């Protein structure tokens, strides 16, 4: 029974069914945010939501039944269990009513169901150590630039550079490219050479540091792809080795049969 359940859970059609349920449930939760739709079809949407949750609970229970002690060892299983348990939080409890609004997190189950998304998440997690170093570098650049901007342009534009926290927020806005031109022109009306500061800052943050983020992520994804190829090659080599061993055994059996056949014919002729 356990092996049959395992086969059903691993079947491609079942995985597609779960993906479909997740997408339908996401659409239902989105429709509930429209007051007119919720007022007209609230009962139907609630029934579909409960049905999707029941399917997720059954699937999770089946996984626990199949994998038993190995279930918590897989981080994706723990991820699915947390999302389903959050969705089961009672709506009547005022302290847990906020958790009920987190039902939309069930859409994140696509990360554990779709293999390609799992690869992307694994690559991002692999890139975390390198990204942390870049975050420190970016923080240093922001801090140094904010202190300089506060000293240089604090009196000219106090609403943007009047204090260190204000300068940090303004420079973060500049780094994202949001209305940075107007910010620079406002300062350049009093300090014409301010374009040098803003140009260097944008070049450092946007075109250097942020590109380093992408380089680290791409490198991690390449490593993940290389790891997957190595695993496939190992599996292929193991399968090839097993096939060669089976062929060798078959050749030995055929050779033994061929040797035995003449002996039987000789005995028959001798008896005749």
Protein backbone atom coordinates (compact mmCIF):
# COMPACT_ATOMS: atom_id res chain seq x y z
CA UNK A 1 0.00 0.00 0.00
CA UNK A 2 2.82 2.40 0.84
CA UNK A 3 4.60 1.76 -2.45
CA UNK A 4 1.38 2.29 -4.37
CA UNK A 5 0.83 5.60 -2.57
CA UNK A 6 4.41 6.61 -3.30
CA UNK A 7 3.89 5.86 -6.99
CA UNK A 8 0.73 7.97 -7.07
CA UNK A 9 2.46 10.93 -5.38
CA UNK A 10 5.39 10.75 -7.80
CA UNK A 11 3.22 10.38 -10.90
CA UNK A 12 3.41 13.24 -13.38
CA UNK A 13 -0.36 13.57 -13.71
CA UNK A 14 -0.76 13.89 -9.94
CA UNK A 15 1.89 16.61 -9.85
CA UNK A 16 0.05 18.46 -12.60
CA UNK A 17 -3.19 18.09 -10.65
CA UNK A 18 -1.58 19.66 -7.56
CA UNK A 19 -0.21 22.53 -9.65
CA UNK A 20 -3.69 23.10 -11.06
CA UNK A 21 -5.21 23.12 -7.57
CA UNK A 22 -2.62 25.66 -6.40
CA UNK A 23 -3.33 27.95 -9.35
CA UNK A 24 -7.11 27.70 -8.92
CA UNK A 25 -6.76 28.37 -5.20
CA UNK A 26 -4.62 31.43 -5.94
CA UNK A 27 -7.29 32.73 -8.31
CA UNK A 28 -9.99 32.12 -5.67
CA UNK A 29 -8.05 34.00 -3.01
CA UNK A 30 -7.54 36.85 -5.45
CA UNK A 31 -11.25 37.02 -6.31
CA UNK A 32 -12.07 37.27 -2.61
CA UNK A 33 -10.37 40.67 -2.55
CA UNK A 34 -13.06 42.12 -4.88
CA UNK A 35 -16.02 43.18 -2.70
CA UNK A 36 -18.57 42.77 -5.49
CA UNK A 37 -17.39 39.27 -6.40
CA UNK A 38 -17.11 38.24 -2.73
CA UNK A 39 -20.65 39.48 -2.03
CA UNK A 40 -22.13 37.62 -4.99
CA UNK A 41 -20.10 34.39 -4.96
CA UNK A 42 -18.69 34.35 -1.44
CA UNK A 43 -20.14 30.94 -0.56
CA UNK A 44 -18.75 29.34 -3.73
CA UNK A 45 -15.31 30.88 -3.24
CA UNK A 46 -15.22 29.74 0.38
CA UNK A 47 -16.21 26.19 -0.64
CA UNK A 48 -13.48 26.08 -3.30
CA UNK A 49 -10.95 27.36 -0.77
CA UNK A 50 -11.90 24.66 1.74
CA UNK A 51 -11.75 22.01 -0.99
CA UNK A 52 -8.25 23.10 -2.01
CA UNK A 53 -7.13 23.06 1.62
CA UNK A 54 -8.58 19.56 2.06
CA UNK A 55 -6.63 18.36 -1.00
CA UNK A 56 -3.42 19.84 0.40
CA UNK A 57 -4.02 18.18 3.77
CA UNK A 58 -4.64 14.80 2.13
CA UNK A 59 -1.49 15.16 0.03
CA UNK A 60 0.58 16.14 3.06
CA UNK A 61 -0.82 13.23 5.08
CA UNK A 62 0.02 10.85 2.26
CA UNK A 63 3.59 12.15 2.17
CA UNK A 64 3.95 11.64 5.92
CA UNK A 65 2.56 8.10 5.55
CA UNK A 66 4.97 7.27 2.72
CA UNK A 67 8.16 8.88 4.02
CA UNK A 68 7.62 8.57 7.80
CA UNK A 69 10.84 9.54 9.59
CA UNK A 70 12.39 10.85 6.37
CA UNK A 71 9.64 13.44 5.95
CA UNK A 72 11.17 16.21 8.14
CA UNK A 73 14.60 15.66 6.61
CA UNK A 74 13.48 17.24 3.35
CA UNK A 75 13.29 21.05 3.70
CA UNK A 76 10.62 21.22 1.00
CA UNK A 77 8.37 18.91 3.03
CA UNK A 78 8.79 21.17 6.06
CA UNK A 79 8.02 24.18 3.87
CA UNK A 80 4.78 22.59 2.62
CA UNK A 81 3.78 21.53 6.13
CA UNK A 82 4.25 25.04 7.54
CA UNK A 83 2.15 26.59 4.76
CA UNK A 84 -0.68 24.08 5.22
CA UNK A 85 -0.63 24.41 9.02
CA UNK A 86 -0.83 28.20 8.74
CA UNK A 87 -3.87 27.82 6.50
CA UNK A 88 -5.50 25.60 9.14
CA UNK A 89 -5.35 28.36 11.77
CA UNK A 90 -8.87 29.02 13.12
CA UNK A 91 -10.46 32.23 11.84
CA UNK A 92 -12.38 32.77 15.10
CA UNK A 93 -9.30 33.36 17.20
CA UNK A 94 -8.46 37.05 17.14
CA UNK A 95 -4.78 36.38 17.70
CA UNK A 96 -4.65 34.03 14.72
CA UNK A 97 -6.89 35.98 12.36
CA UNK A 98 -3.81 37.51 10.77
CA UNK A 99 -2.52 34.03 10.01
CA UNK A 100 -5.69 33.31 8.08
CA UNK A 101 -4.84 36.18 5.75
CA UNK A 102 -1.61 34.34 4.98
CA UNK A 103 -3.55 31.68 3.06
CA UNK A 104 -2.17 33.22 -0.11
CA UNK A 105 1.17 31.73 0.90
CA UNK A 106 -0.19 28.47 -0.45
CA UNK A 107 0.73 29.80 -3.88
CA UNK A 108 4.35 29.46 -2.79
CA UNK A 109 3.84 25.70 -2.87
CA UNK A 110 4.61 26.01 -6.57
CA UNK A 111 8.22 26.40 -5.46
CA UNK A 112 8.23 22.88 -4.05
CA UNK A 113 6.06 21.27 -6.74
CA UNK A 114 7.68 22.64 -9.91
CA UNK A 115 11.25 21.27 -10.29
CA UNK A 116 12.52 24.27 -12.28
CA UNK A 117 11.44 26.65 -9.49
CA UNK A 118 13.17 24.44 -6.92
CA UNK A 119 16.38 24.81 -8.91
CA UNK A 120 16.10 28.59 -8.90
CA UNK A 121 15.49 28.70 -5.14
CA UNK A 122 18.38 26.31 -4.52
CA UNK A 123 20.63 28.53 -6.61
CA UNK A 124 19.56 31.61 -4.64
CA UNK A 125 20.27 29.86 -1.35
CA UNK A 126 23.65 28.79 -2.69
CA UNK A 127 24.39 32.40 -3.62
CA UNK A 128 23.58 33.76 -0.14
CA UNK A 129 27.19 33.73 1.19
CA UNK A 130 28.44 35.72 -1.77
CA UNK A 131 25.45 38.05 -1.69
CA UNK A 132 26.04 38.83 1.98
CA UNK A 133 29.50 40.20 1.15
CA UNK A 134 28.02 42.38 -1.58
CA UNK A 135 25.34 43.63 0.84
CA UNK A 136 28.10 44.73 3.23
CA UNK A 137 29.89 46.49 0.37
CA UNK A 138 26.69 48.23 -0.72
CA UNK A 139 25.97 49.29 2.86
CA UNK A 140 29.42 50.81 3.17
CA UNK A 141 29.02 52.73 -0.09
CA UNK A 142 25.59 53.99 0.99
CA UNK A 143 26.84 55.04 4.43
CA UNK A 144 29.88 56.89 3.11
CA UNK A 145 27.82 58.62 0.41
CA UNK A 146 25.09 59.56 2.94
CA UNK A 147 27.61 61.15 5.30
CA UNK A 148 29.16 63.10 2.42
CA UNK A 149 25.78 64.21 1.10
CA UNK A 150 24.69 65.36 4.56
CA UNK A 151 27.85 67.41 5.00
CA UNK A 152 27.82 68.87 1.49
CA UNK A 153 24.14 69.36 0.70
CA UNK A 154 22.37 69.29 4.08
CA UNK A 155 21.82 73.05 4.17
CA UNK A 156 20.94 73.29 0.49
CA UNK A 157 18.24 70.58 0.53
CA UNK A 158 17.42 69.84 4.20
CA UNK A 159 14.27 67.87 3.29
CA UNK A 160 16.43 65.44 1.31
CA UNK A 161 19.86 65.59 2.97
CA UNK A 162 19.19 67.29 6.30
CA UNK A 163 20.16 64.29 8.43
CA UNK A 164 21.88 60.95 8.02
CA UNK A 165 18.64 58.86 7.92
CA UNK A 166 17.11 61.27 5.39
CA UNK A 167 20.24 61.13 3.24
CA UNK A 168 20.26 57.33 3.38
CA UNK A 169 16.66 57.20 2.17
CA UNK A 170 17.28 59.78 -0.58
CA UNK A 171 20.37 57.97 -1.82
CA UNK A 172 18.55 54.64 -1.75
CA UNK A 173 15.86 56.27 -3.88
CA UNK A 174 18.58 57.57 -6.18
CA UNK A 175 20.14 54.12 -6.41
CA UNK A 176 16.83 52.63 -7.59
CA UNK A 177 16.56 55.33 -10.26
CA UNK A 178 13.36 56.80 -8.82
CA UNK A 179 13.24 60.53 -9.67
CA UNK A 180 16.97 60.90 -9.14
CA UNK A 181 17.20 63.51 -11.89
CA UNK A 182 14.99 65.96 -10.03
CA UNK A 183 16.94 65.32 -6.82
CA UNK A 184 20.22 66.06 -8.59
CA UNK A 185 18.89 69.20 -10.32
CA UNK A 186 17.53 70.55 -7.04
CA UNK A 187 21.01 70.33 -5.50
CA UNK A 188 22.77 71.51 -8.68
CA UNK A 189 20.89 74.82 -8.56
CA UNK A 190 23.18 75.79 -5.68
CA UNK A 191 26.08 73.33 -6.27
CA UNK A 192 26.64 73.02 -10.04
CA UNK A 193 29.35 70.40 -9.52
CA UNK A 194 26.97 68.07 -7.62
CA UNK A 195 26.49 66.03 -10.81
CA UNK A 196 29.93 64.52 -10.18
CA UNK A 197 28.79 63.14 -6.81
CA UNK A 198 25.54 61.71 -8.17
CA UNK A 199 27.16 60.26 -11.27
CA UNK A 200 29.87 58.47 -9.30
CA UNK A 201 27.32 57.22 -6.77
CA UNK A 202 24.99 55.82 -9.44
CA UNK A 203 27.88 54.21 -11.31
CA UNK A 204 29.12 52.52 -8.15
CA UNK A 205 25.75 51.33 -6.84
CA UNK A 206 23.69 50.64 -9.93
CA UNK A 207 26.24 49.58 -12.51
CA UNK A 208 28.82 47.90 -10.28
CA UNK A 209 27.40 46.63 -7.01
CA UNK A 210 23.99 45.57 -8.33
CA UNK A 211 25.62 43.83 -11.29
CA UNK A 212 27.74 41.92 -8.79
CA UNK A 213 24.49 40.58 -7.32
CA UNK A 214 23.48 39.25 -10.71
CA UNK A 215 26.94 37.79 -11.30
CA UNK A 216 26.80 35.90 -8.00
CA UNK A 217 23.31 34.56 -8.71
CA UNK A 218 24.23 33.49 -12.25
CA UNK A 219 27.36 31.77 -10.93
CA UNK A 220 25.29 29.93 -8.33
CA UNK A 221 22.79 28.83 -10.98
CA UNK A 222 25.66 27.56 -13.13
CA UNK A 223 26.98 25.59 -10.17
CA UNK A 224 23.51 24.15 -9.55
CA UNK A 225 23.22 23.14 -13.21
CA UNK A 226 26.70 21.60 -13.13
CA UNK A 227 25.78 19.67 -9.98
CA UNK A 228 22.63 18.37 -11.65
CA UNK A 229 24.58 17.34 -14.76
CA UNK A 230 27.12 15.54 -12.58
CA UNK A 231 24.34 13.66 -10.80
CA UNK A 232 22.79 12.69 -14.13
CA UNK A 233 26.17 11.54 -15.41
CA UNK A 234 26.71 9.46 -12.27
CA UNK A 235 23.28 7.89 -12.69
CA UNK A 236 23.97 7.25 -16.36
CA UNK A 237 27.36 5.72 -15.58
CA UNK A 238 25.81 3.52 -12.89
CA UNK A 239 23.05 2.42 -15.26
CA UNK A 240 25.57 1.71 -18.00
CA UNK A 241 27.74 -0.29 -15.62
CA UNK A 242 24.73 -2.29 -14.45
CA UNK A 243 23.69 -3.01 -18.04
CA UNK A 244 27.22 -4.13 -18.92
CA UNK A 245 27.29 -6.45 -15.92
CA UNK A 246 23.94 -7.93 -16.90
CA UNK A 247 25.17 -8.42 -20.47
CA UNK A 248 28.28 -10.15 -19.16
CA UNK A 249 26.12 -12.48 -17.09
CA UNK A 250 23.93 -13.21 -20.09
CA UNK A 251 26.99 -14.00 -22.21
CA UNK A 252 28.22 -16.41 -19.56
CA UNK A 253 24.84 -18.13 -19.48
CA UNK A 254 24.68 -18.35 -23.28
CA UNK A 255 28.22 -19.72 -23.41
CA UNK A 256 27.35 -22.29 -20.78
CA UNK A 257 24.24 -23.32 -22.72
CA UNK A 258 26.24 -23.67 -25.94
CA UNK A 259 28.78 -25.88 -24.20
CA UNK A 260 26.08 -27.98 -22.64
CA UNK A 261 24.21 -28.54 -25.93
CA UNK A 262 27.00 -30.51 -27.73
CA UNK A 263 27.47 -32.65 -24.63
CA UNK A 264 23.79 -33.57 -24.71
CA UNK A 265 23.97 -34.40 -28.41
CA UNK A 266 27.03 -36.60 -27.83
CA UNK A 267 25.27 -38.48 -25.05
CA UNK A 268 22.23 -39.05 -27.27
CA UNK A 269 24.42 -40.43 -30.08
CA UNK A 270 26.26 -42.67 -27.62
CA UNK A 271 22.97 -44.03 -26.26
CA UNK A 272 21.72 -44.62 -29.80
